[in-house]
Amino acid sequence: MIRRVIVSGNSMFPTILPGDRLLVVGRKVRAGDLAALRDPREPDRVMVKRVVAVEGTTGAVAVAGDNPDASTDSRHFGSVPRHLVVGRVRWRYWPQDRRGRLR
């Protein structure tokens, strides 16, 4: 399944900027991937973070923002349960001048 995400914060600066529109695919993530996940404190909110580690037995993920001063991430709320992972961020489709694959 492919999902769309619109970024609203600075936690992933400079990799991803507010207003970027992203495509999210699959659900399997590994360390180093950009992932969309439901905020464990507010499950209706989707956020984008970098996967720092995947716990082998539970599949829970530890995540961090590329801009730690502006990021609320696993340092604040711990590992995110596997069922809250929406998927791996693969492509920025907007804005036009920065569209392309994300790694």
PDB file of N, CA and C in Angstrom:
ATOM      1  N   MET A   1       0.838  -1.182   0.000  1.00  0.00           N
ATOM      2  CA  MET A   1       0.000   0.000   0.000  1.00  0.00           C
ATOM      3  C   MET A   1       0.886   1.249   0.000  1.00  0.00           C
ATOM      4  N   ILE A   2       0.512   2.238  -0.743  1.00  0.00           N
ATOM      5  CA  ILE A   2       1.225   3.513  -0.792  1.00  0.00           C
ATOM      6  C   ILE A   2       0.396   4.554  -0.039  1.00  0.00           C
ATOM      7  N   ARG A   3       1.062   5.302   0.825  1.00  0.00           N
ATOM      8  CA  ARG A   3       0.400   6.373   1.573  1.00  0.00           C
ATOM      9  C   ARG A   3       1.125   7.684   1.325  1.00  0.00           C
ATOM     10  N   ARG A   4       0.438   8.774   1.542  1.00  0.00           N
ATOM     11  CA  ARG A   4       1.022  10.110   1.396  1.00  0.00           C
ATOM     12  C   ARG A   4       1.103  10.785   2.753  1.00  0.00           C
ATOM     13  N   VAL A   5       2.205  11.527   2.954  1.00  0.00           N
ATOM     14  CA  VAL A   5       2.412  12.260   4.204  1.00  0.00           C
ATOM     15  C   VAL A   5       2.858  13.675   3.853  1.00  0.00           C
ATOM     16  N   ILE A   6       2.311  14.665   4.544  1.00  0.00           N
ATOM     17  CA  ILE A   6       2.740  16.053   4.393  1.00  0.00           C
ATOM     18  C   ILE A   6       3.479  16.445   5.670  1.00  0.00           C
ATOM     19  N   VAL A   7       4.696  16.921   5.516  1.00  0.00           N
ATOM     20  CA  VAL A   7       5.543  17.265   6.656  1.00  0.00           C
ATOM     21  C   VAL A   7       5.179  18.646   7.181  1.00  0.00           C
ATOM     22  N   SER A   8       5.102  18.774   8.531  1.00  0.00           N
ATOM     23  CA  SER A   8       4.736  20.072   9.098  1.00  0.00           C
ATOM     24  C   SER A   8       5.773  20.627  10.072  1.00  0.00           C
ATOM     25  N   GLY A   9       6.793  19.865  10.415  1.00  0.00           N
ATOM     26  CA  GLY A   9       7.755  20.349  11.405  1.00  0.00           C
ATOM     27  C   GLY A   9       9.190  20.325  10.902  1.00  0.00           C
ATOM     28  N   ASN A  10      10.104  20.770  11.776  1.00  0.00           N
ATOM     29  CA  ASN A  10      11.530  20.869  11.431  1.00  0.00           C
ATOM     30  C   ASN A  10      12.381  19.735  11.981  1.00  0.00           C
ATOM     31  N   SER A  11      11.781  18.686  12.523  1.00  0.00           N
ATOM     32  CA  SER A  11      12.572  17.655  13.200  1.00  0.00           C
ATOM     33  C   SER A  11      13.494  16.875  12.270  1.00  0.00           C
ATOM     34  N   MET A  12      13.224  16.868  10.978  1.00  0.00           N
ATOM     35  CA  MET A  12      14.058  16.113  10.041  1.00  0.00           C
ATOM     36  C   MET A  12      14.931  17.017   9.158  1.00  0.00           C
ATOM     37  N   PHE A  13      15.023  18.302   9.508  1.00  0.00           N
ATOM     38  CA  PHE A  13      15.873  19.237   8.775  1.00  0.00           C
ATOM     39  C   PHE A  13      17.321  18.769   8.874  1.00  0.00           C
ATOM     40  N   PRO A  14      18.109  18.792   7.845  1.00  0.00           N
ATOM     41  CA  PRO A  14      17.867  19.338   6.512  1.00  0.00           C
ATOM     42  C   PRO A  14      17.361  18.316   5.499  1.00  0.00           C
ATOM     43  N   THR A  15      17.172  17.056   5.927  1.00  0.00           N
ATOM     44  CA  THR A  15      16.757  16.008   4.990  1.00  0.00           C
ATOM     45  C   THR A  15      15.367  16.261   4.430  1.00  0.00           C
ATOM     46  N   ILE A  16      14.446  16.594   5.314  1.00  0.00           N
ATOM     47  CA  ILE A  16      13.056  16.839   4.940  1.00  0.00           C
ATOM     48  C   ILE A  16      12.638  18.164   5.563  1.00  0.00           C
ATOM     49  N   LEU A  17      11.901  18.967   4.794  1.00  0.00           N
ATOM     50  CA  LEU A  17      11.505  20.304   5.231  1.00  0.00           C
ATOM     51  C   LEU A  17       9.991  20.416   5.376  1.00  0.00           C
ATOM     52  N   PRO A  18       9.523  21.365   6.194  1.00  0.00           N
ATOM     53  CA  PRO A  18       8.079  21.588   6.289  1.00  0.00           C
ATOM     54  C   PRO A  18       7.490  21.853   4.904  1.00  0.00           C
ATOM     55  N   GLY A  19       6.358  21.229   4.632  1.00  0.00           N
ATOM     56  CA  GLY A  19       5.707  21.369   3.325  1.00  0.00           C
ATOM     57  C   GLY A  19       6.073  20.265   2.350  1.00  0.00           C
ATOM     58  N   ASP A  20       7.147  19.509   2.621  1.00  0.00           N
ATOM     59  CA  ASP A  20       7.486  18.385   1.749  1.00  0.00           C
ATOM     60  C   ASP A  20       6.342  17.381   1.764  1.00  0.00           C
ATOM     61  N   ARG A  21       6.109  16.778   0.612  1.00  0.00           N
ATOM     62  CA  ARG A  21       5.085  15.745   0.492  1.00  0.00           C
ATOM     63  C   ARG A  21       5.781  14.448   0.122  1.00  0.00           C
ATOM     64  N   LEU A  22       5.477  13.412   0.876  1.00  0.00           N
ATOM     65  CA  LEU A  22       6.227  12.169   0.795  1.00  0.00           C
ATOM     66  C   LEU A  22       5.324  10.987   0.482  1.00  0.00           C
ATOM     67  N   LEU A  23       5.914   9.984  -0.182  1.00  0.00           N
ATOM     68  CA  LEU A  23       5.226   8.716  -0.400  1.00  0.00           C
ATOM     69  C   LEU A  23       5.837   7.680   0.538  1.00  0.00           C
ATOM     70  N   VAL A  24       4.973   6.931   1.179  1.00  0.00           N
ATOM     71  CA  VAL A  24       5.371   5.913   2.144  1.00  0.00           C
ATOM     72  C   VAL A  24       4.897   4.555   1.611  1.00  0.00           C
ATOM     73  N   VAL A  25       5.800   3.562   1.618  1.00  0.00           N
ATOM     74  CA  VAL A  25       5.453   2.230   1.105  1.00  0.00           C
ATOM     75  C   VAL A  25       5.809   1.160   2.126  1.00  0.00           C
ATOM     76  N   GLY A  26       5.175   0.013   1.991  1.00  0.00           N
ATOM     77  CA  GLY A  26       5.486  -1.137   2.828  1.00  0.00           C
ATOM     78  C   GLY A  26       5.336  -0.842   4.310  1.00  0.00           C
ATOM     79  N   ARG A  27       5.773  -1.800   5.125  1.00  0.00           N
ATOM     80  CA  ARG A  27       5.757  -1.570   6.573  1.00  0.00           C
ATOM     81  C   ARG A  27       7.052  -2.015   7.207  1.00  0.00           C
ATOM     82  N   LYS A  28       7.878  -2.733   6.464  1.00  0.00           N
ATOM     83  CA  LYS A  28       9.127  -3.228   7.030  1.00  0.00           C
ATOM     84  C   LYS A  28      10.186  -2.129   6.970  1.00  0.00           C
ATOM     85  N   VAL A  29      10.807  -1.865   8.116  1.00  0.00           N
ATOM     86  CA  VAL A  29      11.858  -0.847   8.180  1.00  0.00           C
ATOM     87  C   VAL A  29      13.095  -1.452   8.838  1.00  0.00           C
ATOM     88  N   ARG A  30      14.226  -0.824   8.581  1.00  0.00           N
ATOM     89  CA  ARG A  30      15.471  -1.247   9.220  1.00  0.00           C
ATOM     90  C   ARG A  30      16.253  -0.006   9.621  1.00  0.00           C
ATOM     91  N   ALA A  31      17.270  -0.189  10.417  1.00  0.00           N
ATOM     92  CA  ALA A  31      18.080   0.934  10.894  1.00  0.00           C
ATOM     93  C   ALA A  31      18.589   1.752   9.713  1.00  0.00           C
ATOM     94  N   GLY A  32      18.463   3.074   9.844  1.00  0.00           N
ATOM     95  CA  GLY A  32      18.887   3.996   8.792  1.00  0.00           C
ATOM     96  C   GLY A  32      17.761   4.461   7.891  1.00  0.00           C
ATOM     97  N   ASP A  33      16.657   3.717   7.834  1.00  0.00           N
ATOM     98  CA  ASP A  33      15.518   4.096   6.995  1.00  0.00           C
ATOM     99  C   ASP A  33      14.805   5.315   7.561  1.00  0.00           C
ATOM    100  N   LEU A  34      14.186   6.075   6.675  1.00  0.00           N
ATOM    101  CA  LEU A  34      13.228   7.092   7.083  1.00  0.00           C
ATOM    102  C   LEU A  34      11.885   6.383   7.198  1.00  0.00           C
ATOM    103  N   ALA A  35      11.187   6.613   8.300  1.00  0.00           N
ATOM    104  CA  ALA A  35       9.928   5.912   8.516  1.00  0.00           C
ATOM    105  C   ALA A  35       8.834   6.875   8.931  1.00  0.00           C
ATOM    106  N   ALA A  36       7.631   6.573   8.482  1.00  0.00           N
ATOM    107  CA  ALA A  36       6.437   7.267   8.955  1.00  0.00           C
ATOM    108  C   ALA A  36       5.838   6.372  10.031  1.00  0.00           C
ATOM    109  N   LEU A  37       5.464   6.972  11.149  1.00  0.00           N
ATOM    110  CA  LEU A  37       4.894   6.194  12.238  1.00  0.00           C
ATOM    111  C   LEU A  37       3.884   7.025  12.999  1.00  0.00           C
ATOM    112  N   ARG A  38       2.989   6.327  13.653  1.00  0.00           N
ATOM    113  CA  ARG A  38       2.002   7.000  14.489  1.00  0.00           C
ATOM    114  C   ARG A  38       2.664   7.385  15.798  1.00  0.00           C
ATOM    115  N   ASP A  39       2.417   8.603  16.221  1.00  0.00           N
ATOM    116  CA  ASP A  39       2.971   9.101  17.474  1.00  0.00           C
ATOM    117  C   ASP A  39       2.413   8.238  18.612  1.00  0.00           C
ATOM    118  N   PRO A  40       3.283   7.587  19.414  1.00  0.00           N
ATOM    119  CA  PRO A  40       2.764   6.724  20.476  1.00  0.00           C
ATOM    120  C   PRO A  40       1.974   7.486  21.540  1.00  0.00           C
ATOM    121  N   ARG A  41       2.152   8.806  21.629  1.00  0.00           N
ATOM    122  CA  ARG A  41       1.408   9.612  22.600  1.00  0.00           C
ATOM    123  C   ARG A  41       0.102  10.125  22.041  1.00  0.00           C
ATOM    124  N   GLU A  42       0.019  10.196  20.717  1.00  0.00           N
ATOM    125  CA  GLU A  42      -1.146  10.756  20.028  1.00  0.00           C
ATOM    126  C   GLU A  42      -1.317  10.013  18.703  1.00  0.00           C
ATOM    127  N   PRO A  43      -1.899   8.790  18.719  1.00  0.00           N
ATOM    128  CA  PRO A  43      -1.915   7.907  17.550  1.00  0.00           C
ATOM    129  C   PRO A  43      -2.576   8.455  16.282  1.00  0.00           C
ATOM    130  N   ASP A  44      -3.366   9.523  16.376  1.00  0.00           N
ATOM    131  CA  ASP A  44      -3.951  10.104  15.163  1.00  0.00           C
ATOM    132  C   ASP A  44      -2.926  10.925  14.391  1.00  0.00           C
ATOM    133  N   ARG A  45      -1.801  11.227  15.019  1.00  0.00           N
ATOM    134  CA  ARG A  45      -0.749  12.055  14.402  1.00  0.00           C
ATOM    135  C   ARG A  45       0.332  11.150  13.816  1.00  0.00           C
ATOM    136  N   VAL A  46       0.679  11.400  12.551  1.00  0.00           N
ATOM    137  CA  VAL A  46       1.756  10.649  11.895  1.00  0.00           C
ATOM    138  C   VAL A  46       2.991  11.531  11.845  1.00  0.00           C
ATOM    139  N   MET A  47       4.136  10.957  12.195  1.00  0.00           N
ATOM    140  CA  MET A  47       5.394  11.705  12.141  1.00  0.00           C
ATOM    141  C   MET A  47       6.415  10.922  11.329  1.00  0.00           C
ATOM    142  N   VAL A  48       7.439  11.631  10.887  1.00  0.00           N
ATOM    143  CA  VAL A  48       8.518  11.016  10.108  1.00  0.00           C
ATOM    144  C   VAL A  48       9.801  11.143  10.914  1.00  0.00           C
ATOM    145  N   LYS A  49      10.493  10.026  11.075  1.00  0.00           N
ATOM    146  CA  LYS A  49      11.751   9.981  11.822  1.00  0.00           C
ATOM    147  C   LYS A  49      12.693   8.991  11.148  1.00  0.00           C
ATOM    148  N   ARG A  50      13.957   9.027  11.567  1.00  0.00           N
ATOM    149  CA  ARG A  50      14.936   8.054  11.091  1.00  0.00           C
ATOM    150  C   ARG A  50      14.979   6.897  12.090  1.00  0.00           C
ATOM    151  N   VAL A  51      14.967   5.670  11.557  1.00  0.00           N
ATOM    152  CA  VAL A  51      15.046   4.485  12.410  1.00  0.00           C
ATOM    153  C   VAL A  51      16.484   4.328  12.890  1.00  0.00           C
ATOM    154  N   VAL A  52      16.654   4.280  14.204  1.00  0.00           N
ATOM    155  CA  VAL A  52      17.969   4.118  14.818  1.00  0.00           C
ATOM    156  C   VAL A  52      18.249   2.641  15.055  1.00  0.00           C
ATOM    157  N   ALA A  53      17.233   1.906  15.488  1.00  0.00           N
ATOM    158  CA  ALA A  53      17.397   0.480  15.768  1.00  0.00           C
ATOM    159  C   ALA A  53      16.042  -0.213  15.701  1.00  0.00           C
ATOM    160  N   VAL A  54      16.087  -1.501  15.370  1.00  0.00           N
ATOM    161  CA  VAL A  54      14.895  -2.348  15.394  1.00  0.00           C
ATOM    162  C   VAL A  54      15.165  -3.461  16.405  1.00  0.00           C
ATOM    163  N   GLU A  55      14.297  -3.589  17.376  1.00  0.00           N
ATOM    164  CA  GLU A  55      14.459  -4.627  18.388  1.00  0.00           C
ATOM    165  C   GLU A  55      14.052  -5.972  17.793  1.00  0.00           C
ATOM    166  N   GLY A  56      14.961  -6.903  17.827  1.00  0.00           N
ATOM    167  CA  GLY A  56      14.745  -8.181  17.157  1.00  0.00           C
ATOM    168  C   GLY A  56      13.550  -8.971  17.614  1.00  0.00           C
ATOM    169  N   THR A  57      13.319  -9.071  18.902  1.00  0.00           N
ATOM    170  CA  THR A  57      12.238  -9.934  19.381  1.00  0.00           C
ATOM    171  C   THR A  57      10.858  -9.321  19.221  1.00  0.00           C
ATOM    172  N   THR A  58      10.745  -8.018  19.415  1.00  0.00           N
ATOM    173  CA  THR A  58       9.418  -7.374  19.374  1.00  0.00           C
ATOM    174  C   THR A  58       9.145  -6.628  18.077  1.00  0.00           C
ATOM    175  N   GLY A  59      10.207  -6.252  17.357  1.00  0.00           N
ATOM    176  CA  GLY A  59      10.027  -5.449  16.148  1.00  0.00           C
ATOM    177  C   GLY A  59       9.808  -3.982  16.440  1.00  0.00           C
ATOM    178  N   ALA A  60       9.842  -3.588  17.723  1.00  0.00           N
ATOM    179  CA  ALA A  60       9.695  -2.172  18.070  1.00  0.00           C
ATOM    180  C   ALA A  60      10.884  -1.407  17.496  1.00  0.00           C
ATOM    181  N   VAL A  61      10.669  -0.134  17.190  1.00  0.00           N
ATOM    182  CA  VAL A  61      11.732   0.672  16.588  1.00  0.00           C
ATOM    183  C   VAL A  61      12.078   1.869  17.460  1.00  0.00           C
ATOM    184  N   ALA A  62      13.373   2.138  17.541  1.00  0.00           N
ATOM    185  CA  ALA A  62      13.853   3.370  18.168  1.00  0.00           C
ATOM    186  C   ALA A  62      14.066   4.357  17.029  1.00  0.00           C
ATOM    187  N   VAL A  63      13.585   5.583  17.192  1.00  0.00           N
ATOM    188  CA  VAL A  63      13.648   6.576  16.126  1.00  0.00           C
ATOM    189  C   VAL A  63      14.231   7.888  16.640  1.00  0.00           C
ATOM    190  N   ALA A  64      14.785   8.665  15.710  1.00  0.00           N
ATOM    191  CA  ALA A  64      15.345   9.973  16.062  1.00  0.00           C
ATOM    192  C   ALA A  64      15.152  10.917  14.889  1.00  0.00           C
ATOM    193  N   GLY A  65      15.027  12.194  15.202  1.00  0.00           N
ATOM    194  CA  GLY A  65      14.976  13.212  14.169  1.00  0.00           C
ATOM    195  C   GLY A  65      16.383  13.597  13.750  1.00  0.00           C
ATOM    196  N   ASP A  66      16.552  14.018  12.499  1.00  0.00           N
ATOM    197  CA  ASP A  66      17.860  14.462  12.025  1.00  0.00           C
ATOM    198  C   ASP A  66      18.271  15.784  12.662  1.00  0.00           C
ATOM    199  N   ASN A  67      17.302  16.525  13.182  1.00  0.00           N
ATOM    200  CA  ASN A  67      17.542  17.799  13.841  1.00  0.00           C
ATOM    201  C   ASN A  67      17.171  17.624  15.324  1.00  0.00           C
ATOM    202  N   PRO A  68      18.098  17.096  16.152  1.00  0.00           N
ATOM    203  CA  PRO A  68      17.747  16.740  17.520  1.00  0.00           C
ATOM    204  C   PRO A  68      17.197  17.878  18.368  1.00  0.00           C
ATOM    205  N   ASP A  69      17.610  19.103  18.096  1.00  0.00           N
ATOM    206  CA  ASP A  69      17.109  20.230  18.894  1.00  0.00           C
ATOM    207  C   ASP A  69      15.629  20.517  18.650  1.00  0.00           C
ATOM    208  N   ALA A  70      15.099  20.066  17.515  1.00  0.00           N
ATOM    209  CA  ALA A  70      13.698  20.326  17.177  1.00  0.00           C
ATOM    210  C   ALA A  70      12.868  19.040  17.139  1.00  0.00           C
ATOM    211  N   SER A  71      13.431  17.945  17.648  1.00  0.00           N
ATOM    212  CA  SER A  71      12.764  16.660  17.505  1.00  0.00           C
ATOM    213  C   SER A  71      12.314  16.075  18.839  1.00  0.00           C
ATOM    214  N   THR A  72      11.092  15.571  18.841  1.00  0.00           N
ATOM    215  CA  THR A  72      10.604  14.734  19.921  1.00  0.00           C
ATOM    216  C   THR A  72      10.613  13.322  19.356  1.00  0.00           C
ATOM    217  N   ASP A  73      11.384  12.440  19.966  1.00  0.00           N
ATOM    218  CA  ASP A  73      11.598  11.118  19.398  1.00  0.00           C
ATOM    219  C   ASP A  73      11.793  10.090  20.505  1.00  0.00           C
ATOM    220  N   SER A  74      12.453   8.979  20.216  1.00  0.00           N
ATOM    221  CA  SER A  74      12.605   7.903  21.201  1.00  0.00           C
ATOM    222  C   SER A  74      13.348   8.334  22.459  1.00  0.00           C
ATOM    223  N   ARG A  75      14.086   9.417  22.400  1.00  0.00           N
ATOM    224  CA  ARG A  75      14.719   9.937  23.616  1.00  0.00           C
ATOM    225  C   ARG A  75      13.660  10.387  24.618  1.00  0.00           C
ATOM    226  N   HIS A  76      12.475  10.749  24.107  1.00  0.00           N
ATOM    227  CA  HIS A  76      11.397  11.252  24.951  1.00  0.00           C
ATOM    228  C   HIS A  76      10.334  10.196  25.250  1.00  0.00           C
ATOM    229  N   PHE A  77       9.997   9.363  24.262  1.00  0.00           N
ATOM    230  CA  PHE A  77       8.894   8.422  24.455  1.00  0.00           C
ATOM    231  C   PHE A  77       9.288   6.955  24.323  1.00  0.00           C
ATOM    232  N   GLY A  78      10.571   6.659  24.163  1.00  0.00           N
ATOM    233  CA  GLY A  78      11.018   5.272  24.076  1.00  0.00           C
ATOM    234  C   GLY A  78      10.790   4.671  22.700  1.00  0.00           C
ATOM    235  N   SER A  79      10.987   3.372  22.609  1.00  0.00           N
ATOM    236  CA  SER A  79      10.788   2.670  21.336  1.00  0.00           C
ATOM    237  C   SER A  79       9.313   2.666  20.959  1.00  0.00           C
ATOM    238  N   VAL A  80       9.066   2.645  19.660  1.00  0.00           N
ATOM    239  CA  VAL A  80       7.710   2.676  19.124  1.00  0.00           C
ATOM    240  C   VAL A  80       7.291   1.247  18.769  1.00  0.00           C
ATOM    241  N   PRO A  81       6.152   0.776  19.275  1.00  0.00           N
ATOM    242  CA  PRO A  81       5.699  -0.578  18.945  1.00  0.00           C
ATOM    243  C   PRO A  81       5.527  -0.756  17.435  1.00  0.00           C
ATOM    244  N   ARG A  82       5.821  -1.936  16.964  1.00  0.00           N
ATOM    245  CA  ARG A  82       5.782  -2.259  15.531  1.00  0.00           C
ATOM    246  C   ARG A  82       4.447  -1.901  14.878  1.00  0.00           C
ATOM    247  N   HIS A  83       3.349  -2.102  15.579  1.00  0.00           N
ATOM    248  CA  HIS A  83       2.031  -1.848  14.971  1.00  0.00           C
ATOM    249  C   HIS A  83       1.793  -0.357  14.680  1.00  0.00           C
ATOM    250  N   LEU A  84       2.620   0.534  15.241  1.00  0.00           N
ATOM    251  CA  LEU A  84       2.458   1.969  14.967  1.00  0.00           C
ATOM    252  C   LEU A  84       3.292   2.439  13.771  1.00  0.00           C
ATOM    253  N   VAL A  85       4.108   1.555  13.207  1.00  0.00           N
ATOM    254  CA  VAL A  85       4.897   1.911  12.019  1.00  0.00           C
ATOM    255  C   VAL A  85       3.981   1.895  10.805  1.00  0.00           C
ATOM    256  N   VAL A  86       3.892   3.034  10.118  1.00  0.00           N
ATOM    257  CA  VAL A  86       3.057   3.149   8.918  1.00  0.00           C
ATOM    258  C   VAL A  86       3.818   2.585   7.727  1.00  0.00           C
ATOM    259  N   GLY A  87       5.121   2.903   7.622  1.00  0.00           N
ATOM    260  CA  GLY A  87       5.918   2.382   6.521  1.00  0.00           C
ATOM    261  C   GLY A  87       7.190   3.172   6.297  1.00  0.00           C
ATOM    262  N   ARG A  88       7.906   2.783   5.262  1.00  0.00           N
ATOM    263  CA  ARG A  88       9.188   3.406   4.921  1.00  0.00           C
ATOM    264  C   ARG A  88       8.962   4.549   3.938  1.00  0.00           C
ATOM    265  N   VAL A  89       9.571   5.693   4.219  1.00  0.00           N
ATOM    266  CA  VAL A  89       9.481   6.857   3.333  1.00  0.00           C
ATOM    267  C   VAL A  89      10.441   6.617   2.174  1.00  0.00           C
ATOM    268  N   ARG A  90       9.920   6.655   0.946  1.00  0.00           N
ATOM    269  CA  ARG A  90      10.743   6.342  -0.216  1.00  0.00           C
ATOM    270  C   ARG A  90      10.917   7.494  -1.201  1.00  0.00           C
ATOM    271  N   TRP A  91       9.963   8.416  -1.265  1.00  0.00           N
ATOM    272  CA  TRP A  91       9.972   9.390  -2.352  1.00  0.00           C
ATOM    273  C   TRP A  91       9.393  10.715  -1.892  1.00  0.00           C
ATOM    274  N   ARG A  92      10.059  11.821  -2.261  1.00  0.00           N
ATOM    275  CA  ARG A  92       9.499  13.161  -2.064  1.00  0.00           C
ATOM    276  C   ARG A  92       8.938  13.576  -3.413  1.00  0.00           C
ATOM    277  N   TYR A  93       7.639  13.876  -3.477  1.00  0.00           N
ATOM    278  CA  TYR A  93       7.037  14.270  -4.752  1.00  0.00           C
ATOM    279  C   TYR A  93       6.743  15.758  -4.837  1.00  0.00           C
ATOM    280  N   TRP A  94       6.930  16.475  -3.738  1.00  0.00           N
ATOM    281  CA  TRP A  94       6.733  17.927  -3.739  1.00  0.00           C
ATOM    282  C   TRP A  94       7.607  18.528  -2.670  1.00  0.00           C
ATOM    283  N   PRO A  95       8.237  19.635  -2.900  1.00  0.00           N
ATOM    284  CA  PRO A  95       8.180  20.507  -4.072  1.00  0.00           C
ATOM    285  C   PRO A  95       8.943  19.926  -5.270  1.00  0.00           C
ATOM    286  N   GLN A  96       8.533  20.384  -6.428  1.00  0.00           N
ATOM    287  CA  GLN A  96       9.072  19.884  -7.691  1.00  0.00           C
ATOM    288  C   GLN A  96      10.590  19.929  -7.748  1.00  0.00           C
ATOM    289  N   ASP A  97      11.189  21.024  -7.287  1.00  0.00           N
ATOM    290  CA  ASP A  97      12.651  21.183  -7.448  1.00  0.00           C
ATOM    291  C   ASP A  97      13.455  20.277  -6.515  1.00  0.00           C
ATOM    292  N   ARG A  98      12.783  19.601  -5.570  1.00  0.00           N
ATOM    293  CA  ARG A  98      13.502  18.698  -4.684  1.00  0.00           C
ATOM    294  C   ARG A  98      12.926  17.287  -4.697  1.00  0.00           C
ATOM    295  N   ARG A  99      12.099  16.999  -5.685  1.00  0.00           N
ATOM    296  CA  ARG A  99      11.490  15.675  -5.711  1.00  0.00           C
ATOM    297  C   ARG A  99      12.521  14.620  -6.066  1.00  0.00           C
ATOM    298  N   GLY A 100      12.267  13.424  -5.579  1.00  0.00           N
ATOM    299  CA  GLY A 100      13.165  12.321  -5.855  1.00  0.00           C
ATOM    300  C   GLY A 100      13.167  11.325  -4.714  1.00  0.00           C
ATOM    301  N   ARG A 101      13.958  10.283  -4.905  1.00  0.00           N
ATOM    302  CA  ARG A 101      14.057   9.204  -3.930  1.00  0.00           C
ATOM    303  C   ARG A 101      14.748   9.660  -2.660  1.00  0.00           C
ATOM    304  N   LEU A 102      14.259   9.182  -1.523  1.00  0.00           N
ATOM    305  CA  LEU A 102      14.871   9.481  -0.224  1.00  0.00           C
ATOM    306  C   LEU A 102      15.486   8.206   0.337  1.00  0.00           C
ATOM    307  N   ARG A 103      16.645   8.364   0.967  1.00  0.00           N
ATOM    308  CA  ARG A 103      17.316   7.192   1.560  1.00  0.00           C
ATOM    309  C   ARG A 103      17.577   7.417   3.011  1.00  0.00           C
TER     310      ARG A 103
END
